[in-house]
Amino acid sequence: MLTKNTIKQIASLRQQKFRKELGLFVVEGRKMTEELLHSNFEMVGLYATEAFLTDYPAFAEAEIVSDVQMQQMSGQDTPPGILAVVRIPKQDEIKISSRIVLALDGIANPGNMGTLIRTAEWFGIHDVVCSSDCVELWNPKVVQATMGSLFRVKVWKTELQVFLQKAKSDSKAIYGALLEGENLFEMKGKPEGIIVIGSESHGIRKEVLPCITHPITIPRVGGSATESLNAAVAGAILMAEMTRP
């Protein structure tokens, strides 16, 4: 039976310090929960309202909670009716399997972070390496924005500069999204290597720039006065073009 202490603990997972302390995060919504159940992630609790289970009886294993209890646990203004508590997995040693790797340098916006992970999976990129100051992966807005890709894409946090320096010493091609560089659409050959996307406000930081072996840019069209693209949009364009057969 769901206790007040359990409700309080689940509600506390909206905050990063409690996610870190308890080693848990929350997943909400039917699609996200379905994706979770088909993953290797360890679920430690599953809760749903009677109304939700009436519409989706496949989740019968969930513990039934009242609408009020779900509202107390949920981090959404309109709770979707099902919520899972999941154990944060331990980070493995970085082992790259994709032909192209996405590297994120200081991404702070949760929506952008989640969208970049989701987009990476769409284009067959299953390895994402993040700088240590990127927004936390288990932030509810990041989790939601991945739309389940979080459970299939390998995401590592590390000292990005060190990771890229080693990759460069191993003769890996490192493509940096910059305002000045080779026109993305004029690149020849089928590239392999690492795509680096910088932060929304500062781009690729100066400490990382020496690691870039191939500066590339998405050209403006028609004399646009826009200074830069949204990080997730820029990442999507780069991944689409660089994975194109």
Protein backbone atom coordinates (compact mmCIF):
# COMPACT_ATOMS: atom_id res chain seq x y z
CA MET A 1 0.00 0.00 0.00
CA LEU A 2 1.22 3.46 -0.90
CA THR A 3 2.24 5.39 2.21
CA LYS A 4 2.57 9.12 2.81
CA ASN A 5 6.33 8.67 3.16
CA THR A 6 6.51 6.95 -0.23
CA ILE A 7 4.48 9.73 -1.83
CA LYS A 8 6.76 12.31 -0.26
CA GLN A 9 9.86 10.45 -1.45
CA ILE A 10 8.57 10.19 -5.02
CA ALA A 11 7.62 13.88 -5.04
CA SER A 12 11.13 14.74 -3.83
CA LEU A 13 12.57 13.22 -7.02
CA ARG A 14 11.61 16.41 -8.84
CA GLN A 15 14.78 17.83 -7.31
CA GLN A 16 18.24 16.82 -8.48
CA LYS A 17 19.74 16.53 -4.99
CA PHE A 18 17.20 13.86 -4.01
CA ARG A 19 17.58 11.99 -7.29
CA LYS A 20 21.30 11.87 -6.62
CA GLU A 21 20.87 10.96 -2.95
CA LEU A 22 18.32 8.19 -3.58
CA GLY A 23 19.65 7.03 -6.94
CA LEU A 24 16.18 7.18 -8.45
CA PHE A 25 14.29 9.10 -11.13
CA VAL A 26 10.70 9.28 -12.37
CA VAL A 27 9.11 8.33 -15.68
CA GLU A 28 5.58 9.48 -16.52
CA GLY A 29 3.12 8.71 -19.28
CA ARG A 30 1.93 5.65 -21.18
CA LYS A 31 4.49 5.68 -24.02
CA MET A 32 7.44 6.38 -21.76
CA THR A 33 6.37 3.62 -19.37
CA GLU A 34 5.97 1.16 -22.24
CA GLU A 35 9.48 2.01 -23.42
CA LEU A 36 10.77 1.54 -19.87
CA LEU A 37 9.18 -1.88 -19.52
CA HIS A 38 10.93 -3.04 -22.69
CA SER A 39 14.32 -1.77 -21.50
CA ASN A 40 17.02 -3.07 -19.18
CA PHE A 41 16.41 -0.29 -16.66
CA GLU A 42 15.40 -1.41 -13.17
CA MET A 43 11.93 -0.24 -12.19
CA VAL A 44 11.33 -0.10 -8.44
CA GLY A 45 7.73 1.14 -8.44
CA LEU A 46 4.79 1.50 -10.84
CA TYR A 47 1.65 3.46 -9.96
CA ALA A 48 -1.52 4.20 -11.94
CA THR A 49 -5.00 5.56 -11.40
CA GLU A 50 -8.11 3.45 -11.87
CA ALA A 51 -9.19 5.61 -14.80
CA PHE A 52 -5.88 5.01 -16.56
CA LEU A 53 -6.03 1.24 -16.00
CA THR A 54 -9.58 1.13 -17.35
CA ASP A 55 -8.27 2.56 -20.63
CA TYR A 56 -4.97 0.62 -20.58
CA PRO A 57 -5.47 -2.73 -18.81
CA ALA A 58 -2.06 -3.96 -20.06
CA PHE A 59 -0.53 -2.08 -17.11
CA ALA A 60 -2.45 -4.18 -14.58
CA GLU A 61 0.75 -4.82 -12.59
CA ALA A 62 0.72 -1.18 -11.46
CA GLU A 63 -0.33 -0.32 -7.93
CA ILE A 64 -3.62 1.58 -7.99
CA VAL A 65 -3.51 5.08 -6.52
CA SER A 66 -6.08 7.83 -6.20
CA ASP A 67 -6.15 10.92 -8.41
CA VAL A 68 -5.04 12.98 -5.42
CA GLN A 69 -2.08 10.71 -4.71
CA MET A 70 -1.04 10.79 -8.37
CA GLN A 71 -1.24 14.58 -8.34
CA GLN A 72 1.00 14.68 -5.26
CA MET A 73 3.62 12.42 -6.88
CA SER A 74 3.53 13.79 -10.41
CA GLY A 75 5.73 16.62 -11.62
CA GLN A 76 3.28 17.50 -14.40
CA ASP A 77 0.45 20.00 -14.24
CA THR A 78 -1.89 17.40 -15.70
CA PRO A 79 -0.70 13.96 -14.55
CA PRO A 80 -0.98 11.34 -17.31
CA GLY A 81 -2.24 8.72 -14.86
CA ILE A 82 0.78 6.42 -14.73
CA LEU A 83 4.14 6.96 -13.06
CA ALA A 84 7.18 4.74 -12.60
CA VAL A 85 10.12 5.07 -10.23
CA VAL A 86 13.36 3.87 -11.81
CA ARG A 87 16.84 3.20 -10.48
CA ILE A 88 19.58 5.37 -12.00
CA PRO A 89 22.04 2.97 -13.66
CA LYS A 90 25.73 3.17 -12.91
CA GLN A 91 27.73 4.71 -15.71
CA ASP A 92 29.75 2.18 -17.67
CA GLU A 93 33.16 2.75 -19.15
CA ILE A 94 32.80 4.61 -22.43
CA LYS A 95 32.66 2.11 -25.29
CA ILE A 96 31.74 3.54 -28.68
CA SER A 97 29.88 1.40 -31.22
CA SER A 98 28.38 4.00 -33.59
CA ARG A 99 30.10 5.18 -36.78
CA ILE A 100 29.21 8.70 -35.71
CA VAL A 101 29.18 9.91 -32.10
CA LEU A 102 27.32 12.95 -30.80
CA ALA A 103 29.27 15.05 -28.26
CA LEU A 104 27.47 17.75 -26.28
CA ASP A 105 29.41 20.62 -24.77
CA GLY A 106 27.59 22.44 -21.98
CA ILE A 107 23.98 21.87 -23.10
CA ALA A 108 21.93 23.47 -20.33
CA ASN A 109 18.36 23.37 -21.64
CA PRO A 110 16.58 20.12 -20.66
CA GLY A 111 14.34 20.19 -23.73
CA ASN A 112 17.32 20.55 -26.05
CA MET A 113 19.20 17.77 -24.26
CA GLY A 114 16.31 15.33 -24.54
CA THR A 115 15.58 16.27 -28.13
CA LEU A 116 19.21 15.78 -29.16
CA ILE A 117 19.24 12.28 -27.65
CA ARG A 118 15.95 11.43 -29.36
CA THR A 119 17.19 12.81 -32.69
CA ALA A 120 20.47 10.92 -32.39
CA GLU A 121 18.57 7.64 -32.16
CA TRP A 122 16.43 8.60 -35.17
CA PHE A 123 19.58 8.91 -37.27
CA GLY A 124 21.14 5.70 -36.00
CA ILE A 125 23.55 7.32 -33.55
CA HIS A 126 23.57 5.27 -30.35
CA ASP A 127 26.45 6.92 -28.51
CA VAL A 128 26.19 10.38 -26.92
CA VAL A 129 29.03 11.83 -24.86
CA CYS A 130 28.25 14.85 -22.68
CA SER A 131 30.47 17.30 -20.86
CA SER A 132 30.23 17.10 -17.08
CA ASP A 133 28.33 20.40 -16.93
CA CYS A 134 25.52 19.39 -19.29
CA VAL A 135 22.07 19.36 -17.71
CA GLU A 136 21.44 16.23 -15.63
CA LEU A 137 20.25 13.29 -17.72
CA TRP A 138 17.58 12.26 -15.18
CA ASN A 139 15.94 15.70 -15.05
CA PRO A 140 12.21 15.02 -15.68
CA LYS A 141 12.15 17.43 -18.64
CA VAL A 142 15.14 15.68 -20.22
CA VAL A 143 13.59 12.26 -19.63
CA GLN A 144 10.28 13.36 -21.17
CA ALA A 145 11.90 15.04 -24.18
CA THR A 146 13.76 11.84 -25.11
CA MET A 147 10.41 10.09 -25.66
CA GLY A 148 11.97 6.78 -24.70
CA SER A 149 15.28 7.09 -26.56
CA LEU A 150 16.94 7.48 -23.16
CA PHE A 151 16.38 3.75 -22.62
CA ARG A 152 18.18 2.74 -25.82
CA VAL A 153 20.90 5.33 -26.50
CA LYS A 154 24.12 5.09 -24.47
CA VAL A 155 24.76 8.45 -22.82
CA TRP A 156 27.94 9.16 -20.89
CA LYS A 157 29.04 12.17 -18.87
CA THR A 158 32.75 12.85 -18.78
CA GLU A 159 35.41 15.52 -19.09
CA LEU A 160 34.70 16.22 -22.74
CA GLN A 161 38.00 17.92 -23.45
CA VAL A 162 39.93 14.86 -22.26
CA PHE A 163 37.69 12.52 -24.27
CA LEU A 164 38.15 14.58 -27.44
CA GLN A 165 41.89 14.95 -26.96
CA LYS A 166 42.23 11.17 -26.81
CA ALA A 167 39.98 10.75 -29.84
CA LYS A 168 42.11 13.25 -31.75
CA SER A 169 45.31 11.45 -30.77
CA ASP A 170 43.69 8.26 -32.10
CA SER A 171 43.21 10.05 -35.45
CA LYS A 172 39.43 10.34 -35.08
CA ALA A 173 37.74 13.06 -37.11
CA ILE A 174 36.11 15.62 -34.84
CA TYR A 175 33.52 17.88 -36.46
CA GLY A 176 32.70 21.11 -34.64
CA ALA A 177 29.53 23.07 -35.34
CA LEU A 178 30.88 26.63 -35.73
CA LEU A 179 29.79 29.84 -37.41
CA GLU A 180 32.88 29.68 -39.59
CA GLY A 181 33.88 26.40 -41.20
CA GLU A 182 33.34 24.20 -44.23
CA ASN A 183 29.85 24.36 -45.68
CA LEU A 184 28.05 21.30 -44.31
CA PHE A 185 26.25 20.71 -47.59
CA GLU A 186 29.45 20.79 -49.65
CA MET A 187 31.29 18.15 -47.65
CA LYS A 188 32.46 15.22 -49.72
CA GLY A 189 32.58 11.59 -48.69
CA LYS A 190 30.71 9.75 -45.98
CA PRO A 191 32.10 11.08 -42.71
CA GLU A 192 32.84 9.11 -39.59
CA GLY A 193 33.82 10.52 -36.24
CA ILE A 194 32.44 12.83 -33.59
CA ILE A 195 29.99 15.72 -34.01
CA VAL A 196 30.42 18.38 -31.30
CA ILE A 197 27.47 20.64 -30.49
CA GLY A 198 28.12 23.61 -28.21
CA SER A 199 25.94 25.25 -25.60
CA GLU A 200 22.92 27.36 -26.44
CA SER A 201 24.50 30.61 -25.27
CA HIS A 202 28.25 30.21 -25.86
CA GLY A 203 28.70 27.54 -28.51
CA ILE A 204 31.72 25.26 -28.28
CA ARG A 205 33.91 26.50 -25.45
CA LYS A 206 37.42 27.77 -26.18
CA GLU A 207 39.07 24.91 -24.28
CA VAL A 208 37.44 22.41 -26.63
CA LEU A 209 38.12 24.26 -29.89
CA PRO A 210 41.72 22.94 -30.31
CA CYS A 211 40.27 19.41 -30.42
CA ILE A 212 38.19 20.20 -33.51
CA THR A 213 39.76 18.76 -36.65
CA HIS A 214 36.95 19.67 -39.07
CA PRO A 215 35.12 22.97 -38.43
CA ILE A 216 31.75 22.89 -40.19
CA THR A 217 28.93 25.36 -40.51
CA ILE A 218 25.29 25.35 -41.52
CA PRO A 219 25.09 28.18 -44.07
CA ARG A 220 22.52 30.92 -43.72
CA VAL A 221 20.18 31.48 -46.62
CA GLY A 222 18.85 34.79 -47.89
CA GLY A 223 20.85 37.09 -45.64
CA SER A 224 19.12 36.06 -42.44
CA ALA A 225 19.82 38.31 -39.46
CA THR A 226 19.47 35.42 -37.01
CA GLU A 227 22.71 35.04 -35.05
CA SER A 228 22.53 31.30 -34.44
CA LEU A 229 20.34 28.21 -34.50
CA ASN A 230 18.81 26.48 -31.53
CA ALA A 231 21.21 23.75 -30.35
CA ALA A 232 18.73 20.94 -30.95
CA VAL A 233 17.84 22.24 -34.41
CA ALA A 234 21.48 22.63 -35.39
CA GLY A 235 22.22 19.14 -34.09
CA ALA A 236 19.35 17.67 -36.07
CA ILE A 237 20.51 19.28 -39.32
CA LEU A 238 24.09 18.10 -38.78
CA MET A 239 23.07 14.56 -37.91
CA ALA A 240 20.68 14.35 -40.85
CA GLU A 241 23.32 15.46 -43.34
CA MET A 242 26.23 13.51 -41.92
CA THR A 243 24.35 10.20 -41.73
CA ARG A 244 22.85 10.57 -45.21
CA PRO A 245 23.79 7.63 -47.48
